[in-house]
Structures are given as structure tokens and as C-alpha cells.
Amino acid sequence: MTFIDCLSFGDLEARSFEPGAPKPERLLRGDPRQRTWLLDESADGTMFSGVWESTPGAWRVVYDEWEFCTILSGVSVVTPDGSAALQLRAGDSFVIRPGFTGVWDVVDTTRKSFVVRLP
């Protein structure tokens, strides 16, 4: 059994990705287009990791899962409902907990690595 896998982001552009966009009813500004490269997933599907990218735009977010992220490039502003905005830039790492609601605003095309744990 392997306990550590070393996954390189390598050339993401050469890998297949899942295209996406915010749900229309959550969109607040712009026409953001997203790409997600899934790099690893647990056998039971409750944990997965990869790289996500979005072009500029803003939308409401609602999290049911835990997510650890590190911004790789770009600038985004995350504003929790009822709290101050947090500007995120390359090198910033953070955790989003289940129950988080707010606004994700991509100011400059943003790429992040992530690890998600479903409830």
C-alpha cells in the first residue's frame, strides 16, 4: 500500500479538465469560466484534490464540505456573509468550513490547488 503519492501539477494544459461555471442563479457579475483538473480521489469518493481556475466574475457560494486551498496565481476576494472581505493572492492558504456562505469574486484569473473532504 502506498501512503504517499507525489503528484506534480506538471503541465496542466496537457491534462484533461472539467469545464464549469457558477450556477446562473448564483451569478452576481461577469461571465466566469472555470476549469478543474482532478488529480487524486479517495476510493470512496469522499476526498479529492486538484487544481481549479476561474476567469473574472463574482458569484454566491455555499459550502457543505471542508476545503483547504492555496492560491497559485491571480487575485480573488472572498467575502463571508456578515464579515469583512478577504483578498487572496498567490501563496495564500486557507480553509473553508462546512456552512460557509458568501461571495467569491475573481478579480484577476485565479488558479488554486485544493483538497476537499465531503461530510
C-alpha atoms as a PDB file:
ATOM      1  CA  MET A   1       0.000   0.000   0.000  1.00  0.00           C
ATOM      2  CA  THR A   2       1.304   3.451  -0.875  1.00  0.00           C
ATOM      3  CA  PHE A   3       0.828   6.086   1.788  1.00  0.00           C
ATOM      4  CA  ILE A   4       2.379   8.990  -0.087  1.00  0.00           C
ATOM      5  CA  ASP A   5       1.814   9.824  -3.712  1.00  0.00           C
ATOM      6  CA  CYS A   6       3.803  12.642  -5.236  1.00  0.00           C
ATOM      7  CA  LEU A   7       1.629  14.333  -7.792  1.00  0.00           C
ATOM      8  CA  SER A   8       3.122  17.018  -9.957  1.00  0.00           C
ATOM      9  CA  PHE A   9       0.952  19.746 -11.379  1.00  0.00           C
ATOM     10  CA  GLY A  10       3.233  19.450 -14.385  1.00  0.00           C
ATOM     11  CA  ASP A  11       1.775  20.947 -17.499  1.00  0.00           C
ATOM     12  CA  LEU A  12      -1.898  21.239 -16.597  1.00  0.00           C
ATOM     13  CA  GLU A  13      -2.682  22.450 -20.094  1.00  0.00           C
ATOM     14  CA  ALA A  14      -1.719  18.985 -21.376  1.00  0.00           C
ATOM     15  CA  ARG A  15      -4.138  17.271 -18.961  1.00  0.00           C
ATOM     16  CA  SER A  16      -7.864  16.878 -19.381  1.00  0.00           C
ATOM     17  CA  PHE A  17     -10.049  19.155 -17.268  1.00  0.00           C
ATOM     18  CA  GLU A  18     -13.686  19.572 -16.386  1.00  0.00           C
ATOM     19  CA  PRO A  19     -15.141  22.869 -17.644  1.00  0.00           C
ATOM     20  CA  GLY A  20     -17.571  24.714 -15.415  1.00  0.00           C
ATOM     21  CA  ALA A  21     -19.242  27.944 -14.430  1.00  0.00           C
ATOM     22  CA  PRO A  22     -21.220  29.197 -11.442  1.00  0.00           C
ATOM     23  CA  LYS A  23     -24.898  28.291 -11.363  1.00  0.00           C
ATOM     24  CA  PRO A  24     -26.813  31.067 -13.171  1.00  0.00           C
ATOM     25  CA  GLU A  25     -28.962  31.796 -10.096  1.00  0.00           C
ATOM     26  CA  ARG A  26     -25.800  32.463  -8.031  1.00  0.00           C
ATOM     27  CA  LEU A  27     -24.020  34.670 -10.585  1.00  0.00           C
ATOM     28  CA  LEU A  28     -23.592  38.297  -9.445  1.00  0.00           C
ATOM     29  CA  ARG A  29     -21.198  39.735 -12.027  1.00  0.00           C
ATOM     30  CA  GLY A  30     -19.410  38.796 -15.229  1.00  0.00           C
ATOM     31  CA  ASP A  31     -19.272  35.546 -17.171  1.00  0.00           C
ATOM     32  CA  PRO A  32     -16.669  33.466 -15.294  1.00  0.00           C
ATOM     33  CA  ARG A  33     -15.431  30.282 -16.936  1.00  0.00           C
ATOM     34  CA  GLN A  34     -13.851  27.625 -14.781  1.00  0.00           C
ATOM     35  CA  ARG A  35     -11.597  24.637 -15.284  1.00  0.00           C
ATOM     36  CA  THR A  36     -10.973  21.878 -12.739  1.00  0.00           C
ATOM     37  CA  TRP A  37      -8.166  19.345 -13.013  1.00  0.00           C
ATOM     38  CA  LEU A  38      -8.891  16.427 -10.665  1.00  0.00           C
ATOM     39  CA  LEU A  39      -5.528  14.959  -9.643  1.00  0.00           C
ATOM     40  CA  ASP A  40      -6.489  12.456  -6.929  1.00  0.00           C
ATOM     41  CA  GLU A  41      -9.599  10.927  -5.373  1.00  0.00           C
ATOM     42  CA  SER A  42     -10.143   8.523  -2.481  1.00  0.00           C
ATOM     43  CA  ALA A  43     -11.628   5.119  -3.255  1.00  0.00           C
ATOM     44  CA  ASP A  44     -14.908   6.083  -1.562  1.00  0.00           C
ATOM     45  CA  GLY A  45     -15.081   9.494  -3.292  1.00  0.00           C
ATOM     46  CA  THR A  46     -15.200  11.487  -0.046  1.00  0.00           C
ATOM     47  CA  MET A  47     -11.830  13.201  -0.544  1.00  0.00           C
ATOM     48  CA  PHE A  48     -10.348  14.635  -3.701  1.00  0.00           C
ATOM     49  CA  SER A  49      -7.740  17.141  -4.733  1.00  0.00           C
ATOM     50  CA  GLY A  50      -6.649  19.050  -7.770  1.00  0.00           C
ATOM     51  CA  VAL A  51      -6.366  22.465  -9.337  1.00  0.00           C
ATOM     52  CA  TRP A  52      -9.192  24.913 -10.070  1.00  0.00           C
ATOM     53  CA  GLU A  53      -9.104  28.032 -12.212  1.00  0.00           C
ATOM     54  CA  SER A  54     -11.637  30.759 -12.907  1.00  0.00           C
ATOM     55  CA  THR A  55     -11.744  33.852 -15.103  1.00  0.00           C
ATOM     56  CA  PRO A  56     -13.095  37.092 -13.559  1.00  0.00           C
ATOM     57  CA  GLY A  57     -16.607  37.319 -12.171  1.00  0.00           C
ATOM     58  CA  ALA A  58     -18.482  37.106  -8.874  1.00  0.00           C
ATOM     59  CA  TRP A  59     -20.971  34.586  -7.519  1.00  0.00           C
ATOM     60  CA  ARG A  60     -22.524  33.399  -4.270  1.00  0.00           C
ATOM     61  CA  VAL A  61     -21.004  30.294  -2.695  1.00  0.00           C
ATOM     62  CA  VAL A  62     -22.444  27.783  -0.226  1.00  0.00           C
ATOM     63  CA  TYR A  63     -20.143  25.111   1.191  1.00  0.00           C
ATOM     64  CA  ASP A  64     -21.277  21.778   2.645  1.00  0.00           C
ATOM     65  CA  GLU A  65     -17.719  20.408   2.584  1.00  0.00           C
ATOM     66  CA  TRP A  66     -14.296  21.168   4.076  1.00  0.00           C
ATOM     67  CA  GLU A  67     -11.830  22.644   1.604  1.00  0.00           C
ATOM     68  CA  PHE A  68      -8.147  23.524   2.024  1.00  0.00           C
ATOM     69  CA  CYS A  69      -6.831  25.819  -0.722  1.00  0.00           C
ATOM     70  CA  THR A  70      -3.640  27.540  -1.782  1.00  0.00           C
ATOM     71  CA  ILE A  71      -3.804  30.338  -4.329  1.00  0.00           C
ATOM     72  CA  LEU A  72      -1.273  29.638  -7.080  1.00  0.00           C
ATOM     73  CA  SER A  73      -1.877  32.742  -9.198  1.00  0.00           C
ATOM     74  CA  GLY A  74      -4.296  35.612  -9.658  1.00  0.00           C
ATOM     75  CA  VAL A  75      -6.360  37.633  -7.219  1.00  0.00           C
ATOM     76  CA  SER A  76      -9.716  36.797  -5.657  1.00  0.00           C
ATOM     77  CA  VAL A  77     -11.768  38.381  -2.902  1.00  0.00           C
ATOM     78  CA  VAL A  78     -13.838  36.110  -0.667  1.00  0.00           C
ATOM     79  CA  THR A  79     -16.468  37.815   1.470  1.00  0.00           C
ATOM     80  CA  PRO A  80     -18.212  35.716   4.133  1.00  0.00           C
ATOM     81  CA  ASP A  81     -21.813  36.759   4.789  1.00  0.00           C
ATOM     82  CA  GLY A  82     -21.739  39.264   7.653  1.00  0.00           C
ATOM     83  CA  SER A  83     -17.921  39.593   7.714  1.00  0.00           C
ATOM     84  CA  ALA A  84     -15.130  41.576   6.117  1.00  0.00           C
ATOM     85  CA  ALA A  85     -13.751  40.702   2.685  1.00  0.00           C
ATOM     86  CA  LEU A  86     -10.512  38.749   2.455  1.00  0.00           C
ATOM     87  CA  GLN A  87      -8.227  39.412  -0.518  1.00  0.00           C
ATOM     88  CA  LEU A  88      -6.379  36.278  -1.660  1.00  0.00           C
ATOM     89  CA  ARG A  89      -3.178  36.250  -3.731  1.00  0.00           C
ATOM     90  CA  ALA A  90      -0.537  33.749  -4.801  1.00  0.00           C
ATOM     91  CA  GLY A  91       0.874  31.961  -1.755  1.00  0.00           C
ATOM     92  CA  ASP A  92      -2.187  32.462   0.460  1.00  0.00           C
ATOM     93  CA  SER A  93      -3.607  29.282   2.019  1.00  0.00           C
ATOM     94  CA  PHE A  94      -6.934  28.957   3.819  1.00  0.00           C
ATOM     95  CA  VAL A  95      -9.648  26.554   4.949  1.00  0.00           C
ATOM     96  CA  ILE A  96     -13.337  26.881   4.136  1.00  0.00           C
ATOM     97  CA  ARG A  97     -15.562  25.012   6.580  1.00  0.00           C
ATOM     98  CA  PRO A  98     -18.975  23.429   6.019  1.00  0.00           C
ATOM     99  CA  GLY A  99     -21.725  26.004   6.399  1.00  0.00           C
ATOM    100  CA  PHE A 100     -19.709  28.846   4.844  1.00  0.00           C
ATOM    101  CA  THR A 101     -21.802  31.204   2.718  1.00  0.00           C
ATOM    102  CA  GLY A 102     -20.664  34.345   0.979  1.00  0.00           C
ATOM    103  CA  VAL A 103     -19.337  35.741  -2.277  1.00  0.00           C
ATOM    104  CA  TRP A 104     -16.340  34.590  -4.321  1.00  0.00           C
ATOM    105  CA  ASP A 105     -15.121  37.420  -6.570  1.00  0.00           C
ATOM    106  CA  VAL A 106     -12.351  36.633  -9.054  1.00  0.00           C
ATOM    107  CA  VAL A 107     -10.657  39.962  -9.772  1.00  0.00           C
ATOM    108  CA  ASP A 108      -7.809  38.532 -11.875  1.00  0.00           C
ATOM    109  CA  THR A 109      -7.954  34.991 -13.303  1.00  0.00           C
ATOM    110  CA  THR A 110      -7.270  32.820 -10.269  1.00  0.00           C
ATOM    111  CA  ARG A 111      -5.771  29.338 -10.028  1.00  0.00           C
ATOM    112  CA  LYS A 112      -5.770  27.404  -6.748  1.00  0.00           C
ATOM    113  CA  SER A 113      -4.807  23.947  -5.563  1.00  0.00           C
ATOM    114  CA  PHE A 114      -7.387  22.326  -3.331  1.00  0.00           C
ATOM    115  CA  VAL A 115      -8.201  19.361  -1.137  1.00  0.00           C
ATOM    116  CA  VAL A 116     -11.889  18.691  -0.423  1.00  0.00           C
ATOM    117  CA  ARG A 117     -13.365  16.432   2.248  1.00  0.00           C
ATOM    118  CA  LEU A 118     -17.068  15.724   1.886  1.00  0.00           C
ATOM    119  CA  PRO A 119     -19.234  15.313   5.003  1.00  0.00           C
END
